[in-house]
Amino acid sequence: MALAGTRRENLLSSDDLNRLVEIIAERVRERLGDAAPSRLATIRDVPCDDDKSCDCSSCGMCVIRRPWSVRAIEQAGAQRVAAPPGTGAVAPDLAKMIDHTLLKPETTADDVRRLCDEAKRHNFASVCVNSTWVPMAKSALRGSPVMVCAVVGFPLGAMTPTAKAYEAREAVRQGAQEIDMVINLGALKSRDYETVFEDICRVVKAAHPAKVKVILETGALDNEEKIIACSLSKLAGAHFVKTSTGFGPGGATVEDVTLMRKIVGSDMGVKASGGVRTREDAERMAQAGANRIGASASVAIVTGTDKKDAPKKFAGRGGY
């Protein structure tokens, strides 16, 4: 079943690829067992009681105790720019596709304020920050349509599902409206699909109704692993699949974005992140099927400034 390199991939027709995805997804379902659909429903729908510290054992999707989450679902739809597969069209307002990103460990409060000011000025879709900065970003963006996105299990993804769920719930409680979680790469490569599935399900449940993007770290995966990771993300109820952390090998490629869009279809978003530094880069990703871009060079992208003129503070690893 493995796809043996780019040459073989190029020989696959669209119908062949669709059939391959169906076969792999079916094998994943078989590996998870017949209980997988009911288990998914259980994880999504049972009351939110994993976080004992919040003294919540039965209210679940309570809009009274989670008004920030209600605002998240209200705002999220308005921030999307559609890029269906095969159209080749680029959204005229590229800024609304961009998550303005700063994830370096040495990030300071002044850096976050500057990030938020730029996001408001250029009307980016969101600012993407480590969870420790969520309250500050929420405060700085108050009154603007720019969302707060927090990363979870970042950048390695090698945490327990419960730990990731707790981090996601805390980030949403503090004001995050979107969550970008890193997939469990080790479990995926071990073919432990049940753990990968549970990992994503728990974060989706903990973050609800905030939207969840699953970071695949495509530079570390072969094509079969990418297909399976996208299939599991879709089965688990995630809202986006995303290429890279910016800390791993490689970044977003047109080939990966095209493959991911073909797998998830129009039901999910595709976010291209890692190495997107110019308007031309962003437009190529949009043409391939991405409807969200993760970038630290966001200002350069929307203004046409050459990347060498972009602030060094936001360049390089950790900022996409």
C-alpha atoms as a PDB file:
ATOM      1  CA  MET A   1       0.000   0.000   0.000  1.00  0.00           C
ATOM      2  CA  ALA A   2       2.928   2.404   0.433  1.00  0.00           C
ATOM      3  CA  LEU A   3       3.373   5.015  -2.268  1.00  0.00           C
ATOM      4  CA  ALA A   4       6.900   4.541  -3.535  1.00  0.00           C
ATOM      5  CA  GLY A   5       8.078   8.080  -4.096  1.00  0.00           C
ATOM      6  CA  THR A   6       7.082  11.053  -6.196  1.00  0.00           C
ATOM      7  CA  ARG A   7       7.385   9.240  -9.532  1.00  0.00           C
ATOM      8  CA  ARG A   8       4.717   6.723  -8.622  1.00  0.00           C
ATOM      9  CA  GLU A   9       2.532   9.407  -7.063  1.00  0.00           C
ATOM     10  CA  ASN A  10       2.582  11.366 -10.315  1.00  0.00           C
ATOM     11  CA  LEU A  11       1.252   8.303 -12.161  1.00  0.00           C
ATOM     12  CA  LEU A  12      -1.860   8.117  -9.982  1.00  0.00           C
ATOM     13  CA  SER A  13      -5.030   9.480 -11.484  1.00  0.00           C
ATOM     14  CA  SER A  14      -7.516  11.351  -9.346  1.00  0.00           C
ATOM     15  CA  ASP A  15      -9.798   8.299  -9.304  1.00  0.00           C
ATOM     16  CA  ASP A  16      -6.904   6.019  -8.299  1.00  0.00           C
ATOM     17  CA  LEU A  17      -5.972   8.363  -5.449  1.00  0.00           C
ATOM     18  CA  ASN A  18      -9.554   8.572  -4.230  1.00  0.00           C
ATOM     19  CA  ARG A  19      -9.795   4.782  -4.230  1.00  0.00           C
ATOM     20  CA  LEU A  20      -6.475   4.513  -2.373  1.00  0.00           C
ATOM     21  CA  VAL A  21      -7.728   6.907   0.290  1.00  0.00           C
ATOM     22  CA  GLU A  22     -10.925   4.860   0.670  1.00  0.00           C
ATOM     23  CA  ILE A  23      -8.966   1.620   1.065  1.00  0.00           C
ATOM     24  CA  ILE A  24      -6.576   3.062   3.652  1.00  0.00           C
ATOM     25  CA  ALA A  25      -9.378   4.763   5.591  1.00  0.00           C
ATOM     26  CA  GLU A  26     -11.303   1.477   5.639  1.00  0.00           C
ATOM     27  CA  ARG A  27      -8.265  -0.377   6.971  1.00  0.00           C
ATOM     28  CA  VAL A  28      -7.848   2.269   9.657  1.00  0.00           C
ATOM     29  CA  ARG A  29     -11.497   1.779  10.671  1.00  0.00           C
ATOM     30  CA  GLU A  30     -10.986  -1.975  10.788  1.00  0.00           C
ATOM     31  CA  ARG A  31      -7.875  -1.521  12.932  1.00  0.00           C
ATOM     32  CA  LEU A  32      -9.826   0.666  15.340  1.00  0.00           C
ATOM     33  CA  GLY A  33     -12.622  -1.871  15.472  1.00  0.00           C
ATOM     34  CA  ASP A  34     -16.373  -1.713  15.075  1.00  0.00           C
ATOM     35  CA  ALA A  35     -16.709   0.413  18.190  1.00  0.00           C
ATOM     36  CA  ALA A  36     -14.849   3.358  16.635  1.00  0.00           C
ATOM     37  CA  PRO A  37     -17.929   5.375  15.530  1.00  0.00           C
ATOM     38  CA  SER A  38     -19.709   4.953  18.867  1.00  0.00           C
ATOM     39  CA  ARG A  39     -16.486   5.721  20.688  1.00  0.00           C
ATOM     40  CA  LEU A  40     -16.117   8.923  18.712  1.00  0.00           C
ATOM     41  CA  ALA A  41     -19.668   9.916  19.559  1.00  0.00           C
ATOM     42  CA  THR A  42     -18.994   9.161  23.217  1.00  0.00           C
ATOM     43  CA  ILE A  43     -15.829  11.255  23.349  1.00  0.00           C
ATOM     44  CA  ARG A  44     -17.540  14.160  21.587  1.00  0.00           C
ATOM     45  CA  ASP A  45     -20.851  14.137  23.419  1.00  0.00           C
ATOM     46  CA  VAL A  46     -20.314  13.086  27.032  1.00  0.00           C
ATOM     47  CA  PRO A  47     -20.209  15.860  29.637  1.00  0.00           C
ATOM     48  CA  CYS A  48     -16.887  17.670  29.972  1.00  0.00           C
ATOM     49  CA  ASP A  49     -15.497  16.187  33.175  1.00  0.00           C
ATOM     50  CA  ASP A  50     -11.796  15.525  32.482  1.00  0.00           C
ATOM     51  CA  ASP A  51     -10.682  18.757  34.135  1.00  0.00           C
ATOM     52  CA  LYS A  52     -11.527  18.220  37.800  1.00  0.00           C
ATOM     53  CA  SER A  53     -10.035  21.586  38.740  1.00  0.00           C
ATOM     54  CA  CYS A  54     -12.853  23.465  37.005  1.00  0.00           C
ATOM     55  CA  ASP A  55     -15.451  21.801  39.260  1.00  0.00           C
ATOM     56  CA  CYS A  56     -17.476  20.844  36.219  1.00  0.00           C
ATOM     57  CA  SER A  57     -18.853  17.313  36.038  1.00  0.00           C
ATOM     58  CA  SER A  58     -22.062  17.583  34.083  1.00  0.00           C
ATOM     59  CA  CYS A  59     -22.665  20.858  32.237  1.00  0.00           C
ATOM     60  CA  GLY A  60     -20.809  19.892  29.044  1.00  0.00           C
ATOM     61  CA  MET A  61     -21.459  22.478  26.334  1.00  0.00           C
ATOM     62  CA  CYS A  62     -22.715  25.090  28.753  1.00  0.00           C
ATOM     63  CA  VAL A  63     -22.930  28.478  27.051  1.00  0.00           C
ATOM     64  CA  ILE A  64     -23.271  30.209  30.393  1.00  0.00           C
ATOM     65  CA  ARG A  65     -19.958  28.918  31.757  1.00  0.00           C
ATOM     66  CA  ARG A  66     -18.167  29.037  28.369  1.00  0.00           C
ATOM     67  CA  PRO A  67     -19.274  32.272  26.647  1.00  0.00           C
ATOM     68  CA  TRP A  68     -15.832  32.659  25.057  1.00  0.00           C
ATOM     69  CA  SER A  69     -16.431  29.402  23.192  1.00  0.00           C
ATOM     70  CA  VAL A  70     -19.797  30.632  21.920  1.00  0.00           C
ATOM     71  CA  ARG A  71     -18.079  33.759  20.592  1.00  0.00           C
ATOM     72  CA  ALA A  72     -15.454  31.524  18.965  1.00  0.00           C
ATOM     73  CA  ILE A  73     -17.974  29.610  16.900  1.00  0.00           C
ATOM     74  CA  GLU A  74     -19.714  32.851  15.945  1.00  0.00           C
ATOM     75  CA  GLN A  75     -16.508  34.453  14.739  1.00  0.00           C
ATOM     76  CA  ALA A  76     -14.759  31.478  13.151  1.00  0.00           C
ATOM     77  CA  GLY A  77     -16.967  31.145  10.093  1.00  0.00           C
ATOM     78  CA  ALA A  78     -16.574  34.767   9.102  1.00  0.00           C
ATOM     79  CA  GLN A  79     -12.804  34.424   8.997  1.00  0.00           C
ATOM     80  CA  ARG A  80     -12.621  31.626   6.411  1.00  0.00           C
ATOM     81  CA  VAL A  81     -11.761  32.160   2.756  1.00  0.00           C
ATOM     82  CA  ALA A  82     -12.863  29.230   0.575  1.00  0.00           C
ATOM     83  CA  ALA A  83     -10.374  27.579  -1.774  1.00  0.00           C
ATOM     84  CA  PRO A  84     -12.099  24.453  -3.126  1.00  0.00           C
ATOM     85  CA  PRO A  85      -9.902  21.913  -4.928  1.00  0.00           C
ATOM     86  CA  GLY A  86      -9.472  22.486  -8.622  1.00  0.00           C
ATOM     87  CA  THR A  87     -10.572  26.119  -8.825  1.00  0.00           C
ATOM     88  CA  GLY A  88      -7.109  27.662  -8.921  1.00  0.00           C
ATOM     89  CA  ALA A  89      -8.575  30.947  -7.663  1.00  0.00           C
ATOM     90  CA  VAL A  90      -6.741  33.090  -5.128  1.00  0.00           C
ATOM     91  CA  ALA A  91      -8.781  35.031  -2.596  1.00  0.00           C
ATOM     92  CA  PRO A  92      -8.506  38.776  -3.244  1.00  0.00           C
ATOM     93  CA  ASP A  93      -8.269  39.513   0.455  1.00  0.00           C
ATOM     94  CA  LEU A  94      -5.318  37.285   1.317  1.00  0.00           C
ATOM     95  CA  ALA A  95      -4.902  38.702   4.833  1.00  0.00           C
ATOM     96  CA  LYS A  96      -8.045  36.950   6.082  1.00  0.00           C
ATOM     97  CA  MET A  97      -6.429  33.599   5.325  1.00  0.00           C
ATOM     98  CA  ILE A  98      -3.402  34.235   7.519  1.00  0.00           C
ATOM     99  CA  ASP A  99      -2.674  33.179  11.103  1.00  0.00           C
ATOM    100  CA  HIS A 100      -0.046  35.731  12.194  1.00  0.00           C
ATOM    101  CA  THR A 101       2.347  33.521  14.116  1.00  0.00           C
ATOM    102  CA  LEU A 102       4.990  33.837  16.824  1.00  0.00           C
ATOM    103  CA  LEU A 103       6.006  30.679  18.681  1.00  0.00           C
ATOM    104  CA  LYS A 104       9.643  31.204  19.649  1.00  0.00           C
ATOM    105  CA  PRO A 105      10.378  30.232  23.258  1.00  0.00           C
ATOM    106  CA  GLU A 106      12.162  33.553  23.854  1.00  0.00           C
ATOM    107  CA  THR A 107       9.089  35.603  22.849  1.00  0.00           C
ATOM    108  CA  THR A 108       8.499  38.618  25.108  1.00  0.00           C
ATOM    109  CA  ALA A 109       5.379  40.519  26.084  1.00  0.00           C
ATOM    110  CA  ASP A 110       6.406  43.379  23.775  1.00  0.00           C
ATOM    111  CA  ASP A 111       6.712  40.901  20.908  1.00  0.00           C
ATOM    112  CA  VAL A 112       3.158  39.663  21.516  1.00  0.00           C
ATOM    113  CA  ARG A 113       1.766  43.205  21.676  1.00  0.00           C
ATOM    114  CA  ARG A 114       3.490  44.019  18.380  1.00  0.00           C
ATOM    115  CA  LEU A 115       2.130  40.820  16.841  1.00  0.00           C
ATOM    116  CA  CYS A 116      -1.409  41.742  17.876  1.00  0.00           C
ATOM    117  CA  ASP A 117      -1.058  45.338  16.654  1.00  0.00           C
ATOM    118  CA  GLU A 118       0.055  44.087  13.238  1.00  0.00           C
ATOM    119  CA  ALA A 119      -2.785  41.567  13.127  1.00  0.00           C
ATOM    120  CA  LYS A 120      -5.364  44.275  13.825  1.00  0.00           C
ATOM    121  CA  ARG A 121      -3.805  46.671  11.330  1.00  0.00           C
ATOM    122  CA  HIS A 122      -3.804  44.134   8.497  1.00  0.00           C
ATOM    123  CA  ASN A 123      -6.987  42.252   9.533  1.00  0.00           C
ATOM    124  CA  PHE A 124      -5.355  38.829   9.744  1.00  0.00           C
ATOM    125  CA  ALA A 125      -7.550  35.834  10.592  1.00  0.00           C
ATOM    126  CA  SER A 126      -5.808  35.227  13.918  1.00  0.00           C
ATOM    127  CA  VAL A 127      -2.665  35.493  15.957  1.00  0.00           C
ATOM    128  CA  CYS A 128      -1.135  32.100  16.766  1.00  0.00           C
ATOM    129  CA  VAL A 129       0.807  31.982  20.038  1.00  0.00           C
ATOM    130  CA  ASN A 130       1.917  29.632  22.773  1.00  0.00           C
ATOM    131  CA  SER A 131      -0.803  29.172  25.388  1.00  0.00           C
ATOM    132  CA  THR A 132       0.969  31.263  28.023  1.00  0.00           C
ATOM    133  CA  TRP A 133       0.282  34.365  25.878  1.00  0.00           C
ATOM    134  CA  VAL A 134      -3.427  33.714  25.260  1.00  0.00           C
ATOM    135  CA  PRO A 135      -4.774  36.084  27.966  1.00  0.00           C
ATOM    136  CA  MET A 136      -2.525  38.928  26.798  1.00  0.00           C
ATOM    137  CA  ALA A 137      -3.433  38.370  23.157  1.00  0.00           C
ATOM    138  CA  LYS A 138      -7.141  38.224  23.987  1.00  0.00           C
ATOM    139  CA  SER A 139      -6.880  41.539  25.818  1.00  0.00           C
ATOM    140  CA  ALA A 140      -4.836  43.187  23.072  1.00  0.00           C
ATOM    141  CA  LEU A 141      -7.301  42.063  20.371  1.00  0.00           C
ATOM    142  CA  ARG A 142     -10.481  42.993  22.261  1.00  0.00           C
ATOM    143  CA  GLY A 143     -12.933  44.755  19.952  1.00  0.00           C
ATOM    144  CA  SER A 144     -11.280  43.449  16.762  1.00  0.00           C
ATOM    145  CA  PRO A 145     -12.369  40.514  14.560  1.00  0.00           C
ATOM    146  CA  VAL A 146      -8.917  38.892  14.858  1.00  0.00           C
ATOM    147  CA  MET A 147      -9.084  35.549  16.651  1.00  0.00           C
ATOM    148  CA  VAL A 148      -6.649  34.069  19.171  1.00  0.00           C
ATOM    149  CA  CYS A 149      -5.186  30.692  18.206  1.00  0.00           C
ATOM    150  CA  ALA A 150      -3.130  28.623  20.671  1.00  0.00           C
ATOM    151  CA  VAL A 151      -0.827  25.687  19.987  1.00  0.00           C
ATOM    152  CA  VAL A 152      -1.202  22.484  22.005  1.00  0.00           C
ATOM    153  CA  GLY A 153       1.309  19.678  22.485  1.00  0.00           C
ATOM    154  CA  PHE A 154       3.766  21.924  20.702  1.00  0.00           C
ATOM    155  CA  PRO A 155       6.133  21.294  18.997  1.00  0.00           C
ATOM    156  CA  LEU A 156       6.730  17.543  19.552  1.00  0.00           C
ATOM    157  CA  GLY A 157       3.231  16.130  20.046  1.00  0.00           C
ATOM    158  CA  ALA A 158       4.600  13.409  22.327  1.00  0.00           C
ATOM    159  CA  MET A 159       2.331  14.105  25.305  1.00  0.00           C
ATOM    160  CA  THR A 160      -0.519  11.987  26.633  1.00  0.00           C
ATOM    161  CA  PRO A 161      -4.012  12.606  25.205  1.00  0.00           C
ATOM    162  CA  THR A 162      -5.187  13.740  28.641  1.00  0.00           C
ATOM    163  CA  ALA A 163      -2.384  16.317  28.899  1.00  0.00           C
ATOM    164  CA  LYS A 164      -3.192  17.722  25.475  1.00  0.00           C
ATOM    165  CA  ALA A 165      -6.899  17.880  26.290  1.00  0.00           C
ATOM    166  CA  TYR A 166      -6.200  19.783  29.519  1.00  0.00           C
ATOM    167  CA  GLU A 167      -3.941  22.262  27.716  1.00  0.00           C
ATOM    168  CA  ALA A 168      -6.577  22.797  25.027  1.00  0.00           C
ATOM    169  CA  ARG A 169      -9.353  23.342  27.580  1.00  0.00           C
ATOM    170  CA  GLU A 170      -7.242  25.837  29.529  1.00  0.00           C
ATOM    171  CA  ALA A 171      -6.353  27.751  26.376  1.00  0.00           C
ATOM    172  CA  VAL A 172     -10.031  28.018  25.375  1.00  0.00           C
ATOM    173  CA  ARG A 173     -11.010  28.987  28.918  1.00  0.00           C
ATOM    174  CA  GLN A 174      -8.510  31.847  28.759  1.00  0.00           C
ATOM    175  CA  GLY A 175      -9.755  33.090  25.400  1.00  0.00           C
ATOM    176  CA  ALA A 176      -8.374  30.971  22.548  1.00  0.00           C
ATOM    177  CA  GLN A 177     -10.847  30.576  19.707  1.00  0.00           C
ATOM    178  CA  GLU A 178      -8.821  28.059  17.710  1.00  0.00           C
ATOM    179  CA  ILE A 179      -6.417  25.283  18.722  1.00  0.00           C
ATOM    180  CA  ASP A 180      -3.502  23.964  16.659  1.00  0.00           C
ATOM    181  CA  MET A 181      -2.494  20.569  18.070  1.00  0.00           C
ATOM    182  CA  VAL A 182       0.501  18.439  17.081  1.00  0.00           C
ATOM    183  CA  ILE A 183      -0.287  14.855  16.133  1.00  0.00           C
ATOM    184  CA  ASN A 184       1.400  11.983  18.012  1.00  0.00           C
ATOM    185  CA  LEU A 185       4.041  11.195  15.387  1.00  0.00           C
ATOM    186  CA  GLY A 186       5.518   8.249  17.272  1.00  0.00           C
ATOM    187  CA  ALA A 187       2.142   6.552  17.582  1.00  0.00           C
ATOM    188  CA  LEU A 188       1.401   7.159  13.905  1.00  0.00           C
ATOM    189  CA  LYS A 189       4.716   5.662  12.812  1.00  0.00           C
ATOM    190  CA  SER A 190       4.133   2.710  15.189  1.00  0.00           C
ATOM    191  CA  ARG A 191       0.769   2.148  13.459  1.00  0.00           C
ATOM    192  CA  ASP A 192      -0.917   2.687  16.806  1.00  0.00           C
ATOM    193  CA  TYR A 193      -3.883   4.355  15.151  1.00  0.00           C
ATOM    194  CA  GLU A 194      -6.126   4.014  18.188  1.00  0.00           C
ATOM    195  CA  THR A 195      -3.825   6.297  20.200  1.00  0.00           C
ATOM    196  CA  VAL A 196      -3.626   8.826  17.347  1.00  0.00           C
ATOM    197  CA  PHE A 197      -7.417   8.795  17.031  1.00  0.00           C
ATOM    198  CA  GLU A 198      -8.007   9.167  20.772  1.00  0.00           C
ATOM    199  CA  ASP A 199      -5.423  11.964  20.964  1.00  0.00           C
ATOM    200  CA  ILE A 200      -7.260  14.047  18.368  1.00  0.00           C
ATOM    201  CA  CYS A 201     -10.732  13.183  19.703  1.00  0.00           C
ATOM    202  CA  ARG A 202      -9.879  14.310  23.219  1.00  0.00           C
ATOM    203  CA  VAL A 203      -8.556  17.664  22.029  1.00  0.00           C
ATOM    204  CA  VAL A 204     -11.575  18.204  19.768  1.00  0.00           C
ATOM    205  CA  LYS A 205     -13.882  17.463  22.692  1.00  0.00           C
ATOM    206  CA  ALA A 206     -11.944  19.619  25.172  1.00  0.00           C
ATOM    207  CA  ALA A 207     -11.782  22.593  22.809  1.00  0.00           C
ATOM    208  CA  HIS A 208     -15.405  22.495  21.611  1.00  0.00           C
ATOM    209  CA  PRO A 209     -16.782  24.677  20.105  1.00  0.00           C
ATOM    210  CA  ALA A 210     -13.409  26.241  19.252  1.00  0.00           C
ATOM    211  CA  LYS A 211     -12.024  24.775  16.037  1.00  0.00           C
ATOM    212  CA  VAL A 212      -9.076  22.373  16.021  1.00  0.00           C
ATOM    213  CA  LYS A 213      -6.286  22.127  13.466  1.00  0.00           C
ATOM    214  CA  VAL A 214      -4.195  18.947  13.462  1.00  0.00           C
ATOM    215  CA  ILE A 215      -0.507  19.543  12.677  1.00  0.00           C
ATOM    216  CA  LEU A 216       0.819  16.525  10.761  1.00  0.00           C
ATOM    217  CA  GLU A 217       4.514  17.540  10.477  1.00  0.00           C
ATOM    218  CA  THR A 218       4.449  16.423   6.843  1.00  0.00           C
ATOM    219  CA  GLY A 219       8.226  16.681   6.436  1.00  0.00           C
ATOM    220  CA  ALA A 220       8.590  13.687   8.776  1.00  0.00           C
ATOM    221  CA  LEU A 221       5.960  11.514   7.046  1.00  0.00           C
ATOM    222  CA  ASP A 222       5.790   9.426   3.897  1.00  0.00           C
ATOM    223  CA  ASN A 223       2.736   9.677   1.643  1.00  0.00           C
ATOM    224  CA  GLU A 224       0.920   6.723   3.180  1.00  0.00           C
ATOM    225  CA  GLU A 225       1.374   8.223   6.670  1.00  0.00           C
ATOM    226  CA  LYS A 226       0.056  11.573   5.428  1.00  0.00           C
ATOM    227  CA  ILE A 227      -3.039   9.892   3.993  1.00  0.00           C
ATOM    228  CA  ILE A 228      -3.700   7.953   7.193  1.00  0.00           C
ATOM    229  CA  ALA A 229      -3.098  11.022   9.406  1.00  0.00           C
ATOM    230  CA  CYS A 230      -5.574  13.071   7.361  1.00  0.00           C
ATOM    231  CA  SER A 231      -8.129  10.236   7.439  1.00  0.00           C
ATOM    232  CA  LEU A 232      -7.848   9.894  11.226  1.00  0.00           C
ATOM    233  CA  SER A 233      -8.132  13.666  11.692  1.00  0.00           C
ATOM    234  CA  LYS A 234     -11.322  13.677   9.657  1.00  0.00           C
ATOM    235  CA  LEU A 235     -12.763  10.677  11.514  1.00  0.00           C
ATOM    236  CA  ALA A 236     -11.975  12.347  14.854  1.00  0.00           C
ATOM    237  CA  GLY A 237     -13.931  15.495  14.029  1.00  0.00           C
ATOM    238  CA  ALA A 238     -11.055  17.969  13.563  1.00  0.00           C
ATOM    239  CA  HIS A 239     -11.745  21.069  11.496  1.00  0.00           C
ATOM    240  CA  PHE A 240      -8.401  21.515   9.701  1.00  0.00           C
ATOM    241  CA  VAL A 241      -5.302  19.552   8.825  1.00  0.00           C
ATOM    242  CA  LYS A 242      -2.073  21.527   8.856  1.00  0.00           C
ATOM    243  CA  THR A 243       1.333  20.859   7.345  1.00  0.00           C
ATOM    244  CA  SER A 244       4.059  21.783   9.840  1.00  0.00           C
ATOM    245  CA  THR A 245       5.114  23.163  13.211  1.00  0.00           C
ATOM    246  CA  GLY A 246       7.997  25.212  11.827  1.00  0.00           C
ATOM    247  CA  PHE A 247      10.304  23.308  14.208  1.00  0.00           C
ATOM    248  CA  GLY A 248      10.447  20.002  12.319  1.00  0.00           C
ATOM    249  CA  PRO A 249      12.006  18.885   9.027  1.00  0.00           C
ATOM    250  CA  GLY A 250      10.805  20.805   5.990  1.00  0.00           C
ATOM    251  CA  GLY A 251       7.724  22.968   5.671  1.00  0.00           C
ATOM    252  CA  ALA A 252       4.665  23.401   3.509  1.00  0.00           C
ATOM    253  CA  THR A 253       4.862  22.239  -0.104  1.00  0.00           C
ATOM    254  CA  VAL A 254       2.364  22.562  -2.924  1.00  0.00           C
ATOM    255  CA  GLU A 255       2.440  18.782  -3.316  1.00  0.00           C
ATOM    256  CA  ASP A 256       1.519  18.156   0.317  1.00  0.00           C
ATOM    257  CA  VAL A 257      -1.248  20.769   0.341  1.00  0.00           C
ATOM    258  CA  THR A 258      -2.699  19.284  -2.859  1.00  0.00           C
ATOM    259  CA  LEU A 259      -2.621  15.775  -1.390  1.00  0.00           C
ATOM    260  CA  MET A 260      -4.184  16.901   1.900  1.00  0.00           C
ATOM    261  CA  ARG A 261      -6.990  18.745   0.105  1.00  0.00           C
ATOM    262  CA  LYS A 262      -7.767  15.675  -2.006  1.00  0.00           C
ATOM    263  CA  ILE A 263      -7.971  13.504   1.108  1.00  0.00           C
ATOM    264  CA  VAL A 264     -10.177  15.736   3.275  1.00  0.00           C
ATOM    265  CA  GLY A 265     -12.279  17.127   0.430  1.00  0.00           C
ATOM    266  CA  SER A 266     -14.398  20.193   1.107  1.00  0.00           C
ATOM    267  CA  ASP A 267     -15.413  19.046   4.606  1.00  0.00           C
ATOM    268  CA  MET A 268     -12.273  20.361   6.311  1.00  0.00           C
ATOM    269  CA  GLY A 269      -9.840  23.236   6.046  1.00  0.00           C
ATOM    270  CA  VAL A 270      -6.209  22.894   5.010  1.00  0.00           C
ATOM    271  CA  LYS A 271      -3.585  25.123   6.602  1.00  0.00           C
ATOM    272  CA  ALA A 272      -0.182  25.588   4.959  1.00  0.00           C
ATOM    273  CA  SER A 273       2.539  26.563   7.417  1.00  0.00           C
ATOM    274  CA  GLY A 274       6.308  26.415   7.420  1.00  0.00           C
ATOM    275  CA  GLY A 275       8.382  28.408   4.950  1.00  0.00           C
ATOM    276  CA  VAL A 276       5.546  30.577   3.576  1.00  0.00           C
ATOM    277  CA  ARG A 277       7.328  33.935   3.403  1.00  0.00           C
ATOM    278  CA  THR A 278       6.151  35.790   0.287  1.00  0.00           C
ATOM    279  CA  ARG A 279       2.879  36.618  -1.415  1.00  0.00           C
ATOM    280  CA  GLU A 280       3.851  34.253  -4.215  1.00  0.00           C
ATOM    281  CA  ASP A 281       4.319  31.435  -1.662  1.00  0.00           C
ATOM    282  CA  ALA A 282       0.887  32.131  -0.170  1.00  0.00           C
ATOM    283  CA  GLU A 283      -0.826  32.292  -3.550  1.00  0.00           C
ATOM    284  CA  ARG A 284       0.689  28.960  -4.608  1.00  0.00           C
ATOM    285  CA  MET A 285      -0.592  27.358  -1.407  1.00  0.00           C
ATOM    286  CA  ALA A 286      -4.064  28.844  -1.962  1.00  0.00           C
ATOM    287  CA  GLN A 287      -4.124  27.572  -5.533  1.00  0.00           C
ATOM    288  CA  ALA A 288      -3.203  24.097  -4.251  1.00  0.00           C
ATOM    289  CA  GLY A 289      -6.182  24.101  -1.880  1.00  0.00           C
ATOM    290  CA  ALA A 290      -5.101  25.838   1.339  1.00  0.00           C
ATOM    291  CA  ASN A 291      -7.684  28.113   2.927  1.00  0.00           C
ATOM    292  CA  ARG A 292      -5.497  29.183   5.829  1.00  0.00           C
ATOM    293  CA  ILE A 293      -1.833  30.227   5.874  1.00  0.00           C
ATOM    294  CA  GLY A 294       0.410  30.136   8.952  1.00  0.00           C
ATOM    295  CA  ALA A 295       3.220  32.669   8.684  1.00  0.00           C
ATOM    296  CA  SER A 296       5.405  34.988  10.694  1.00  0.00           C
ATOM    297  CA  ALA A 297       6.218  36.998   7.557  1.00  0.00           C
ATOM    298  CA  SER A 298       2.534  37.926   7.294  1.00  0.00           C
ATOM    299  CA  VAL A 299       3.112  41.656   6.879  1.00  0.00           C
ATOM    300  CA  ALA A 300       5.595  41.042   4.065  1.00  0.00           C
ATOM    301  CA  ILE A 301       3.065  38.740   2.379  1.00  0.00           C
ATOM    302  CA  VAL A 302       0.204  41.247   2.335  1.00  0.00           C
ATOM    303  CA  THR A 303       2.302  44.347   1.641  1.00  0.00           C
ATOM    304  CA  GLY A 304       4.638  42.820  -0.930  1.00  0.00           C
ATOM    305  CA  THR A 305       7.701  43.686   1.156  1.00  0.00           C
ATOM    306  CA  ASP A 306      10.642  41.450   0.340  1.00  0.00           C
ATOM    307  CA  LYS A 307      11.227  38.870   3.067  1.00  0.00           C
ATOM    308  CA  LYS A 308      14.723  40.215   3.738  1.00  0.00           C
ATOM    309  CA  ASP A 309      13.097  43.475   4.842  1.00  0.00           C
ATOM    310  CA  ALA A 310      10.733  41.774   7.288  1.00  0.00           C
ATOM    311  CA  PRO A 311      11.482  42.251  11.001  1.00  0.00           C
ATOM    312  CA  LYS A 312      14.104  39.722  12.060  1.00  0.00           C
ATOM    313  CA  LYS A 313      12.307  39.302  15.353  1.00  0.00           C
ATOM    314  CA  PHE A 314       9.633  37.277  13.585  1.00  0.00           C
ATOM    315  CA  ALA A 315      11.788  35.439  11.075  1.00  0.00           C
ATOM    316  CA  GLY A 316      12.956  31.847  11.066  1.00  0.00           C
ATOM    317  CA  ARG A 317      12.231  28.781  13.173  1.00  0.00           C
ATOM    318  CA  GLY A 318       9.431  29.064  15.647  1.00  0.00           C
ATOM    319  CA  GLY A 319       7.590  31.676  13.631  1.00  0.00           C
ATOM    320  CA  TYR A 320       6.781  29.561  10.579  1.00  0.00           C
END
